[in-house]
N, C-alpha and C. Protein backbone atom coordinates (compact mmCIF):
# COMPACT_ATOMS: atom_id res chain seq x y z
N MET A 1 -0.26 35.03 1.38
CA MET A 1 -0.03 35.20 -0.05
C MET A 1 -1.31 35.73 -0.71
N ALA A 2 -1.15 36.77 -1.49
CA ALA A 2 -2.31 37.36 -2.17
C ALA A 2 -2.81 36.42 -3.26
N LYS A 3 -4.10 36.38 -3.41
CA LYS A 3 -4.67 35.58 -4.48
C LYS A 3 -4.49 36.29 -5.81
N LYS A 4 -4.41 35.51 -6.87
CA LYS A 4 -4.30 36.03 -8.22
C LYS A 4 -5.58 35.72 -8.97
N ARG A 5 -5.76 36.39 -10.09
CA ARG A 5 -6.94 36.14 -10.92
C ARG A 5 -6.55 35.30 -12.13
N TYR A 6 -7.44 34.40 -12.48
CA TYR A 6 -7.23 33.52 -13.62
C TYR A 6 -8.47 33.55 -14.50
N LEU A 7 -8.25 33.81 -15.79
CA LEU A 7 -9.32 33.87 -16.76
C LEU A 7 -9.48 32.49 -17.39
N VAL A 8 -10.67 31.95 -17.29
CA VAL A 8 -10.98 30.65 -17.89
C VAL A 8 -11.86 30.92 -19.11
N LEU A 9 -11.35 30.57 -20.28
CA LEU A 9 -12.11 30.72 -21.52
C LEU A 9 -12.67 29.36 -21.92
N ALA A 10 -13.95 29.35 -22.23
CA ALA A 10 -14.61 28.11 -22.65
C ALA A 10 -15.26 28.37 -24.01
N MET A 11 -14.68 27.78 -25.04
CA MET A 11 -15.20 27.96 -26.40
C MET A 11 -15.92 26.68 -26.83
N ARG A 12 -17.15 26.86 -27.27
CA ARG A 12 -17.95 25.71 -27.68
C ARG A 12 -17.36 25.00 -28.89
N LYS A 13 -17.37 23.67 -28.83
CA LYS A 13 -16.96 22.85 -29.96
C LYS A 13 -18.17 22.66 -30.88
N PRO A 14 -17.96 22.26 -32.13
CA PRO A 14 -19.09 22.08 -33.06
C PRO A 14 -20.16 21.12 -32.53
N ASP A 15 -19.76 20.13 -31.73
CA ASP A 15 -20.73 19.16 -31.21
C ASP A 15 -21.19 19.52 -29.79
N PHE A 16 -21.17 20.81 -29.44
CA PHE A 16 -21.58 21.27 -28.12
C PHE A 16 -22.98 20.76 -27.79
N SER A 17 -23.15 20.29 -26.56
CA SER A 17 -24.45 19.79 -26.11
C SER A 17 -25.05 20.77 -25.09
N GLU A 18 -26.25 21.21 -25.35
CA GLU A 18 -26.96 22.11 -24.43
C GLU A 18 -27.21 21.44 -23.08
N GLU A 19 -27.17 20.11 -23.05
CA GLU A 19 -27.41 19.37 -21.80
C GLU A 19 -26.35 19.65 -20.74
N VAL A 20 -25.20 20.17 -21.14
CA VAL A 20 -24.13 20.43 -20.19
C VAL A 20 -24.28 21.80 -19.52
N VAL A 21 -25.18 22.64 -20.01
CA VAL A 21 -25.33 24.00 -19.48
C VAL A 21 -25.75 23.98 -18.01
N ALA A 22 -26.77 23.24 -17.67
CA ALA A 22 -27.25 23.22 -16.27
C ALA A 22 -26.18 22.72 -15.30
N PRO A 23 -25.49 21.60 -15.59
CA PRO A 23 -24.41 21.18 -14.69
C PRO A 23 -23.28 22.22 -14.60
N HIS A 24 -22.97 22.88 -15.70
CA HIS A 24 -21.94 23.92 -15.70
C HIS A 24 -22.36 25.08 -14.79
N LEU A 25 -23.61 25.51 -14.89
CA LEU A 25 -24.09 26.60 -14.04
C LEU A 25 -24.08 26.21 -12.56
N ALA A 26 -24.43 24.97 -12.27
CA ALA A 26 -24.37 24.49 -10.88
C ALA A 26 -22.92 24.48 -10.39
N PHE A 27 -22.00 24.09 -11.25
CA PHE A 27 -20.57 24.10 -10.94
C PHE A 27 -20.12 25.52 -10.59
N LEU A 28 -20.54 26.49 -11.41
CA LEU A 28 -20.19 27.89 -11.15
C LEU A 28 -20.80 28.37 -9.84
N ASP A 29 -22.04 27.99 -9.57
CA ASP A 29 -22.69 28.38 -8.31
C ASP A 29 -21.89 27.87 -7.11
N GLN A 30 -21.37 26.65 -7.21
CA GLN A 30 -20.58 26.09 -6.11
C GLN A 30 -19.27 26.86 -5.95
N LEU A 31 -18.63 27.20 -7.06
CA LEU A 31 -17.40 28.00 -6.99
C LEU A 31 -17.67 29.35 -6.33
N ARG A 32 -18.81 29.95 -6.68
CA ARG A 32 -19.19 31.23 -6.09
C ARG A 32 -19.39 31.07 -4.58
N SER A 33 -20.08 30.02 -4.18
CA SER A 33 -20.30 29.75 -2.75
C SER A 33 -18.99 29.52 -2.01
N ASP A 34 -18.02 28.93 -2.69
CA ASP A 34 -16.71 28.66 -2.10
C ASP A 34 -15.80 29.89 -2.10
N GLY A 35 -16.27 31.01 -2.67
CA GLY A 35 -15.48 32.23 -2.70
C GLY A 35 -14.36 32.22 -3.73
N LYS A 36 -14.47 31.36 -4.75
CA LYS A 36 -13.41 31.24 -5.75
C LYS A 36 -13.77 31.86 -7.10
N LEU A 37 -15.02 32.25 -7.28
CA LEU A 37 -15.48 32.78 -8.56
C LEU A 37 -15.75 34.27 -8.42
N GLU A 38 -15.07 35.06 -9.24
CA GLU A 38 -15.24 36.50 -9.19
C GLU A 38 -16.33 36.99 -10.14
N MET A 39 -16.30 36.50 -11.37
CA MET A 39 -17.32 36.89 -12.35
C MET A 39 -17.41 35.85 -13.44
N THR A 40 -18.53 35.87 -14.16
CA THR A 40 -18.75 34.91 -15.23
C THR A 40 -19.69 35.51 -16.26
N GLY A 41 -19.62 35.01 -17.47
CA GLY A 41 -20.55 35.47 -18.50
C GLY A 41 -20.32 34.76 -19.82
N GLY A 42 -21.39 34.74 -20.60
CA GLY A 42 -21.32 34.13 -21.93
C GLY A 42 -21.12 35.20 -22.99
N PHE A 43 -20.59 34.79 -24.12
CA PHE A 43 -20.41 35.71 -25.23
C PHE A 43 -21.73 35.88 -25.97
N SER A 44 -21.99 37.09 -26.44
CA SER A 44 -23.28 37.39 -27.07
C SER A 44 -23.52 36.57 -28.34
N ASP A 45 -22.45 36.09 -28.99
CA ASP A 45 -22.64 35.28 -30.20
C ASP A 45 -22.82 33.79 -29.89
N ARG A 46 -22.87 33.46 -28.59
CA ARG A 46 -23.08 32.09 -28.11
C ARG A 46 -21.95 31.14 -28.51
N SER A 47 -20.76 31.68 -28.78
CA SER A 47 -19.62 30.84 -29.13
C SER A 47 -18.92 30.27 -27.91
N GLY A 48 -19.29 30.76 -26.74
CA GLY A 48 -18.67 30.31 -25.51
C GLY A 48 -18.82 31.34 -24.42
N GLY A 49 -17.89 31.34 -23.48
CA GLY A 49 -17.95 32.29 -22.39
C GLY A 49 -16.66 32.26 -21.60
N ALA A 50 -16.68 32.96 -20.49
CA ALA A 50 -15.49 33.04 -19.66
C ALA A 50 -15.90 33.23 -18.21
N TYR A 51 -14.95 32.86 -17.32
CA TYR A 51 -15.14 33.19 -15.91
C TYR A 51 -13.79 33.49 -15.29
N VAL A 52 -13.83 34.25 -14.21
CA VAL A 52 -12.62 34.67 -13.54
C VAL A 52 -12.56 34.00 -12.17
N LEU A 53 -11.48 33.27 -11.95
CA LEU A 53 -11.25 32.60 -10.68
C LEU A 53 -10.30 33.45 -9.83
N ASP A 54 -10.59 33.49 -8.55
CA ASP A 54 -9.75 34.20 -7.58
C ASP A 54 -9.18 33.13 -6.65
N VAL A 55 -8.04 32.55 -7.07
CA VAL A 55 -7.43 31.43 -6.35
C VAL A 55 -5.93 31.68 -6.21
N ASP A 56 -5.23 30.77 -5.54
CA ASP A 56 -3.83 30.98 -5.19
C ASP A 56 -2.81 30.69 -6.28
N SER A 57 -3.15 29.83 -7.25
CA SER A 57 -2.13 29.45 -8.22
C SER A 57 -2.76 29.03 -9.55
N LEU A 58 -1.92 29.06 -10.58
CA LEU A 58 -2.34 28.59 -11.89
C LEU A 58 -2.69 27.11 -11.83
N MET A 59 -1.94 26.35 -11.04
CA MET A 59 -2.21 24.92 -10.89
C MET A 59 -3.62 24.70 -10.32
N GLU A 60 -3.99 25.47 -9.31
CA GLU A 60 -5.33 25.35 -8.73
C GLU A 60 -6.40 25.75 -9.74
N ALA A 61 -6.16 26.83 -10.48
CA ALA A 61 -7.13 27.28 -11.49
C ALA A 61 -7.31 26.21 -12.57
N ARG A 62 -6.22 25.60 -13.00
CA ARG A 62 -6.32 24.55 -14.02
C ARG A 62 -7.05 23.32 -13.48
N ALA A 63 -6.82 22.99 -12.21
CA ALA A 63 -7.51 21.84 -11.60
C ALA A 63 -9.00 22.10 -11.52
N ILE A 64 -9.38 23.32 -11.19
CA ILE A 64 -10.80 23.68 -11.13
C ILE A 64 -11.41 23.59 -12.52
N ALA A 65 -10.77 24.19 -13.52
CA ALA A 65 -11.29 24.16 -14.89
C ALA A 65 -11.41 22.73 -15.41
N ALA A 66 -10.52 21.86 -14.98
CA ALA A 66 -10.56 20.46 -15.42
C ALA A 66 -11.80 19.74 -14.89
N ARG A 67 -12.37 20.23 -13.78
CA ARG A 67 -13.58 19.62 -13.20
C ARG A 67 -14.87 20.21 -13.77
N ASP A 68 -14.75 21.29 -14.53
CA ASP A 68 -15.93 21.95 -15.11
C ASP A 68 -16.63 20.97 -16.05
N PRO A 69 -17.95 20.84 -15.94
CA PRO A 69 -18.68 19.96 -16.86
C PRO A 69 -18.45 20.28 -18.34
N LEU A 70 -18.14 21.53 -18.65
CA LEU A 70 -17.82 21.86 -20.04
C LEU A 70 -16.57 21.11 -20.50
N THR A 71 -15.63 20.94 -19.58
CA THR A 71 -14.39 20.22 -19.87
C THR A 71 -14.62 18.71 -19.85
N THR A 72 -15.22 18.22 -18.78
CA THR A 72 -15.37 16.78 -18.62
C THR A 72 -16.28 16.16 -19.68
N SER A 73 -17.22 16.94 -20.20
CA SER A 73 -18.11 16.44 -21.25
C SER A 73 -17.47 16.49 -22.62
N GLY A 74 -16.40 17.29 -22.74
CA GLY A 74 -15.78 17.47 -24.04
C GLY A 74 -16.53 18.43 -24.95
N SER A 75 -17.52 19.13 -24.41
CA SER A 75 -18.34 20.04 -25.22
C SER A 75 -17.64 21.35 -25.57
N SER A 76 -16.64 21.73 -24.77
CA SER A 76 -15.97 23.01 -24.99
C SER A 76 -14.46 22.83 -24.86
N GLU A 77 -13.75 23.71 -25.54
CA GLU A 77 -12.30 23.82 -25.39
C GLU A 77 -12.07 24.83 -24.27
N VAL A 78 -11.49 24.39 -23.17
CA VAL A 78 -11.34 25.25 -21.99
C VAL A 78 -9.85 25.52 -21.77
N THR A 79 -9.52 26.80 -21.66
CA THR A 79 -8.14 27.21 -21.39
C THR A 79 -8.12 28.15 -20.20
N VAL A 80 -6.99 28.16 -19.50
CA VAL A 80 -6.82 28.99 -18.30
C VAL A 80 -5.61 29.89 -18.49
N HIS A 81 -5.78 31.16 -18.14
CA HIS A 81 -4.72 32.15 -18.29
C HIS A 81 -4.59 32.97 -17.02
N GLU A 82 -3.35 33.15 -16.52
CA GLU A 82 -3.16 34.10 -15.43
C GLU A 82 -3.43 35.48 -16.00
N TRP A 83 -4.24 36.26 -15.28
CA TRP A 83 -4.72 37.51 -15.82
C TRP A 83 -4.24 38.66 -14.96
N ASN A 84 -3.44 39.53 -15.54
CA ASN A 84 -2.97 40.72 -14.85
C ASN A 84 -4.01 41.82 -15.04
N THR A 85 -4.71 42.12 -13.97
CA THR A 85 -5.74 43.15 -14.04
C THR A 85 -5.30 44.34 -13.22
N GLY A 86 -5.84 45.49 -13.57
CA GLY A 86 -5.46 46.70 -12.85
C GLY A 86 -6.59 47.29 -12.08
C-alpha cells in the first residue's frame, strides 16, 4: 500500500510556552529518523508551523500528532489533514 501525505498544522495558543520548542524539535528529529517526516517549518509570523507526515493512514498521522509535545503541553492547536499533493 502506498503511503499518503498528511499535513499537520500547529497554531500557537495565546499561552504558548517557548519551553516546548526543544522537545518538539526532538520529536520531529525522531520522526525524521523513523522515515515518517517529509518536511517541516515554522510560519514567518511565528503564529505556528506545519509538518508533513509520510505514513499509511489518517489514524496513524493523528496518533503521531497526539504525541507531539505541542499537543501534549496544550501550547498549540494541532490539526491533521490528508493532503493531496501533485
